[in-house]
N, C-alpha and C. Protein backbone atom coordinates (compact mmCIF):
# COMPACT_ATOMS: atom_id res chain seq x y z
N MET A 1 117.27 89.03 142.23
CA MET A 1 116.34 89.99 142.74
C MET A 1 117.05 91.25 143.19
N SER A 2 117.97 91.70 142.42
CA SER A 2 118.74 92.87 142.82
C SER A 2 117.88 94.13 142.83
N GLY A 3 116.88 94.23 141.93
CA GLY A 3 116.05 95.42 141.87
C GLY A 3 115.09 95.52 143.03
N VAL A 4 114.63 94.39 143.54
CA VAL A 4 113.66 94.39 144.62
C VAL A 4 114.33 94.66 145.96
N ASP A 5 115.54 94.20 146.12
CA ASP A 5 116.23 94.37 147.41
C ASP A 5 116.43 95.83 147.76
N HIS A 6 116.68 96.68 146.78
CA HIS A 6 116.99 98.08 147.03
C HIS A 6 115.79 99.00 146.81
N SER A 7 114.63 98.43 146.52
CA SER A 7 113.46 99.24 146.24
C SER A 7 112.91 99.83 147.54
N SER A 8 112.57 101.09 147.51
CA SER A 8 112.01 101.73 148.69
C SER A 8 110.50 101.54 148.75
N TYR A 9 109.92 100.97 147.70
CA TYR A 9 108.47 100.81 147.67
C TYR A 9 108.02 99.47 148.22
N TYR A 10 108.92 98.53 148.42
CA TYR A 10 108.57 97.22 148.95
C TYR A 10 109.44 96.92 150.17
N GLY A 11 108.81 96.30 151.18
CA GLY A 11 109.54 95.95 152.39
C GLY A 11 110.29 94.64 152.22
N GLN A 12 110.82 94.14 153.32
CA GLN A 12 111.60 92.90 153.30
C GLN A 12 110.74 91.70 152.89
N LYS A 13 109.47 91.72 153.22
CA LYS A 13 108.57 90.60 152.89
C LYS A 13 107.81 90.87 151.59
N LEU A 14 108.32 91.78 150.77
CA LEU A 14 107.74 92.15 149.47
C LEU A 14 106.30 92.65 149.58
N ARG A 15 106.02 93.36 150.66
CA ARG A 15 104.73 94.01 150.82
C ARG A 15 104.87 95.48 150.48
N GLN A 16 103.74 96.11 150.12
CA GLN A 16 103.77 97.52 149.78
C GLN A 16 104.17 98.35 151.00
N SER A 17 105.03 99.29 150.73
CA SER A 17 105.42 100.19 151.81
C SER A 17 104.45 101.36 151.86
N PRO A 18 104.44 102.09 152.94
CA PRO A 18 103.58 103.28 153.01
C PRO A 18 103.88 104.28 151.89
N ALA A 19 105.13 104.35 151.44
CA ALA A 19 105.47 105.27 150.35
C ALA A 19 104.77 104.86 149.05
N LEU A 20 104.72 103.55 148.77
CA LEU A 20 104.05 103.08 147.57
C LEU A 20 102.55 103.32 147.64
N ILE A 21 101.98 103.11 148.80
CA ILE A 21 100.55 103.35 148.97
C ILE A 21 100.23 104.82 148.76
N ARG A 22 101.08 105.72 149.29
CA ARG A 22 100.88 107.17 149.07
C ARG A 22 101.05 107.53 147.61
N ALA A 23 102.00 106.90 146.91
CA ALA A 23 102.24 107.23 145.51
C ALA A 23 101.09 106.76 144.61
N ARG A 24 100.44 105.69 145.00
CA ARG A 24 99.35 105.14 144.18
C ARG A 24 98.00 105.75 144.49
N ARG A 25 97.87 106.40 145.64
CA ARG A 25 96.57 106.92 146.09
C ARG A 25 95.90 107.85 145.08
N PRO A 26 96.58 108.80 144.42
CA PRO A 26 95.88 109.69 143.49
C PRO A 26 95.29 108.96 142.28
N TYR A 27 95.86 107.84 141.94
CA TYR A 27 95.41 107.12 140.75
C TYR A 27 94.41 106.01 141.06
N LEU A 28 94.18 105.73 142.32
CA LEU A 28 93.31 104.62 142.70
C LEU A 28 91.89 104.82 142.20
N VAL A 29 91.31 105.97 142.42
CA VAL A 29 89.93 106.23 142.01
C VAL A 29 89.83 106.28 140.49
N LYS A 30 90.77 106.97 139.86
CA LYS A 30 90.75 107.08 138.40
C LYS A 30 90.86 105.70 137.74
N ASN A 31 91.77 104.87 138.22
CA ASN A 31 91.95 103.55 137.65
C ASN A 31 90.73 102.66 137.90
N THR A 32 90.12 102.80 139.08
CA THR A 32 88.93 102.02 139.39
C THR A 32 87.78 102.42 138.48
N VAL A 33 87.57 103.70 138.30
CA VAL A 33 86.50 104.18 137.42
C VAL A 33 86.74 103.73 135.98
N LEU A 34 87.97 103.84 135.51
CA LEU A 34 88.28 103.41 134.15
C LEU A 34 88.07 101.90 133.98
N GLY A 35 88.50 101.12 134.94
CA GLY A 35 88.31 99.67 134.88
C GLY A 35 86.84 99.29 134.87
N LEU A 36 86.06 99.93 135.73
CA LEU A 36 84.62 99.66 135.75
C LEU A 36 83.94 100.10 134.46
N SER A 37 84.40 101.22 133.88
CA SER A 37 83.83 101.69 132.62
C SER A 37 84.11 100.71 131.48
N ILE A 38 85.33 100.24 131.39
CA ILE A 38 85.67 99.27 130.34
C ILE A 38 84.89 97.97 130.52
N THR A 39 84.77 97.52 131.76
CA THR A 39 84.01 96.30 132.04
C THR A 39 82.53 96.49 131.68
N ALA A 40 81.95 97.64 132.05
CA ALA A 40 80.55 97.91 131.73
C ALA A 40 80.33 97.98 130.22
N PHE A 41 81.27 98.58 129.50
CA PHE A 41 81.15 98.65 128.04
C PHE A 41 81.18 97.25 127.43
N ALA A 42 82.11 96.42 127.87
CA ALA A 42 82.22 95.06 127.32
C ALA A 42 80.96 94.25 127.63
N LEU A 43 80.46 94.35 128.85
CA LEU A 43 79.24 93.63 129.21
C LEU A 43 78.03 94.17 128.44
N GLY A 44 78.00 95.47 128.21
CA GLY A 44 76.91 96.06 127.42
C GLY A 44 76.91 95.57 125.99
N VAL A 45 78.08 95.51 125.38
CA VAL A 45 78.18 95.00 124.01
C VAL A 45 77.74 93.55 123.96
N TYR A 46 78.18 92.76 124.93
CA TYR A 46 77.80 91.35 124.98
C TYR A 46 76.29 91.20 125.14
N ALA A 47 75.69 91.93 126.07
CA ALA A 47 74.24 91.85 126.32
C ALA A 47 73.46 92.30 125.09
N TYR A 48 73.89 93.38 124.44
CA TYR A 48 73.21 93.85 123.24
C TYR A 48 73.28 92.81 122.13
N THR A 49 74.44 92.20 121.95
CA THR A 49 74.60 91.19 120.91
C THR A 49 73.69 90.00 121.16
N ILE A 50 73.65 89.52 122.39
CA ILE A 50 72.78 88.39 122.73
C ILE A 50 71.32 88.77 122.52
N HIS A 51 70.95 89.98 122.87
CA HIS A 51 69.57 90.44 122.69
C HIS A 51 69.19 90.49 121.21
N VAL A 52 70.06 91.04 120.39
CA VAL A 52 69.76 91.19 118.96
C VAL A 52 69.71 89.82 118.27
N VAL A 53 70.64 88.95 118.60
CA VAL A 53 70.64 87.62 117.98
C VAL A 53 69.43 86.82 118.44
N GLY A 54 69.00 87.02 119.67
CA GLY A 54 67.83 86.32 120.18
C GLY A 54 66.54 86.72 119.49
N GLN A 55 66.49 87.87 118.86
CA GLN A 55 65.30 88.32 118.17
C GLN A 55 65.13 87.68 116.81
N ASP A 56 66.17 87.14 116.23
CA ASP A 56 66.09 86.55 114.90
C ASP A 56 65.35 85.23 114.96
N ASP A 57 64.34 85.07 114.10
CA ASP A 57 63.55 83.84 114.11
C ASP A 57 63.92 82.89 112.97
N PHE A 58 64.86 83.26 112.14
CA PHE A 58 65.40 82.42 111.08
C PHE A 58 64.33 81.91 110.11
N ASP A 59 63.30 82.74 109.86
CA ASP A 59 62.27 82.35 108.89
C ASP A 59 62.80 82.35 107.47
N ASP A 60 63.83 83.12 107.20
CA ASP A 60 64.35 83.21 105.85
C ASP A 60 65.29 82.06 105.49
N VAL A 61 65.59 81.19 106.45
CA VAL A 61 66.49 80.07 106.20
C VAL A 61 65.66 78.88 105.74
N GLN A 62 66.02 78.34 104.59
CA GLN A 62 65.31 77.18 104.07
C GLN A 62 65.92 75.91 104.66
N VAL A 63 65.08 75.12 105.30
CA VAL A 63 65.54 73.88 105.90
C VAL A 63 65.19 72.74 104.95
N PRO A 64 66.16 71.93 104.55
CA PRO A 64 65.86 70.83 103.63
C PRO A 64 64.98 69.79 104.32
N SER A 65 64.14 69.12 103.52
CA SER A 65 63.23 68.13 104.08
C SER A 65 63.98 66.91 104.58
N GLU A 66 65.06 66.54 103.91
CA GLU A 66 65.87 65.43 104.37
C GLU A 66 67.33 65.86 104.33
N PRO A 67 68.15 65.29 105.18
CA PRO A 67 69.55 65.72 105.22
C PRO A 67 70.30 65.39 103.95
N GLN A 68 71.24 66.24 103.60
CA GLN A 68 72.07 66.03 102.43
C GLN A 68 73.08 64.93 102.73
N PRO A 69 73.38 64.09 101.75
CA PRO A 69 74.39 63.05 102.01
C PRO A 69 75.77 63.68 102.17
N SER A 70 76.59 63.04 102.98
CA SER A 70 77.93 63.55 103.20
C SER A 70 78.78 63.32 101.95
N ILE A 71 79.96 63.89 101.93
CA ILE A 71 80.86 63.75 100.78
C ILE A 71 81.24 62.29 100.58
N GLN A 72 81.46 61.58 101.68
CA GLN A 72 81.82 60.17 101.58
C GLN A 72 80.68 59.35 100.98
N GLN A 73 79.46 59.64 101.40
CA GLN A 73 78.31 58.92 100.84
C GLN A 73 78.14 59.23 99.37
N ARG A 74 78.34 60.50 98.99
CA ARG A 74 78.20 60.86 97.57
C ARG A 74 79.26 60.18 96.72
N THR A 75 80.51 60.11 97.20
CA THR A 75 81.55 59.45 96.41
C THR A 75 81.28 57.96 96.30
N GLN A 76 80.75 57.34 97.36
CA GLN A 76 80.42 55.93 97.29
C GLN A 76 79.30 55.68 96.28
N GLN A 77 78.30 56.57 96.26
CA GLN A 77 77.22 56.43 95.30
C GLN A 77 77.73 56.58 93.88
N GLN A 78 78.64 57.53 93.66
CA GLN A 78 79.19 57.73 92.33
C GLN A 78 80.02 56.53 91.89
N GLN A 79 80.77 55.96 92.83
CA GLN A 79 81.58 54.79 92.50
C GLN A 79 80.69 53.60 92.17
N GLN A 80 79.56 53.49 92.83
CA GLN A 80 78.64 52.40 92.53
C GLN A 80 77.94 52.62 91.19
N GLN A 81 77.69 53.86 90.83
CA GLN A 81 77.01 54.16 89.57
C GLN A 81 77.94 54.06 88.38
N GLN A 82 79.20 54.29 88.54
CA GLN A 82 80.13 54.29 87.41
C GLN A 82 80.19 52.95 86.69
N PRO A 83 80.29 51.81 87.36
CA PRO A 83 80.31 50.54 86.60
C PRO A 83 79.03 50.33 85.80
N SER A 84 77.89 50.69 86.36
CA SER A 84 76.65 50.50 85.62
C SER A 84 76.58 51.44 84.42
N GLN A 85 77.10 52.64 84.54
CA GLN A 85 77.12 53.57 83.41
C GLN A 85 78.05 53.06 82.32
N ILE A 86 79.19 52.51 82.73
CA ILE A 86 80.13 51.98 81.74
C ILE A 86 79.51 50.79 81.03
N GLN A 87 78.82 49.95 81.77
CA GLN A 87 78.17 48.80 81.15
C GLN A 87 77.10 49.26 80.18
N ALA A 88 76.35 50.29 80.53
CA ALA A 88 75.31 50.81 79.64
C ALA A 88 75.93 51.38 78.37
N GLN A 89 77.06 52.06 78.51
CA GLN A 89 77.74 52.60 77.32
C GLN A 89 78.27 51.47 76.44
N VAL A 90 78.81 50.44 77.06
CA VAL A 90 79.34 49.30 76.29
C VAL A 90 78.20 48.61 75.54
N GLN A 91 77.09 48.45 76.20
CA GLN A 91 75.94 47.83 75.55
C GLN A 91 75.41 48.69 74.42
N ALA A 92 75.41 50.01 74.60
CA ALA A 92 74.93 50.91 73.54
C ALA A 92 75.87 50.85 72.36
N LEU A 93 77.17 50.77 72.59
CA LEU A 93 78.13 50.67 71.48
C LEU A 93 78.03 49.31 70.81
N ALA A 94 77.72 48.27 71.55
CA ALA A 94 77.61 46.94 70.96
C ALA A 94 76.41 46.83 70.03
N LYS A 95 75.36 47.56 70.34
CA LYS A 95 74.16 47.53 69.51
C LYS A 95 74.40 48.22 68.17
N LYS A 96 75.30 49.16 68.12
CA LYS A 96 75.56 49.90 66.89
C LYS A 96 76.35 49.03 66.00
């Protein structure tokens, strides 16, 4: 902590000295206004986004009548159908 020990802006207990408070005073109002402005802008964007998304009624989205089978279910169905298809092909070739 060599830099802090010799600093004139902090006391022995690492509290702000009167010199630091005087040096920061001209920027206190400007920084507060800027911080509040940035916060208000971010909250405004958030509120606007929530408002706009809340207006969408999703009428243009087609909802399926029954859920689509998962990939695992589809592969299981295909695996079950493959032996029967092979048997049908073998039977068709046997008839010829």
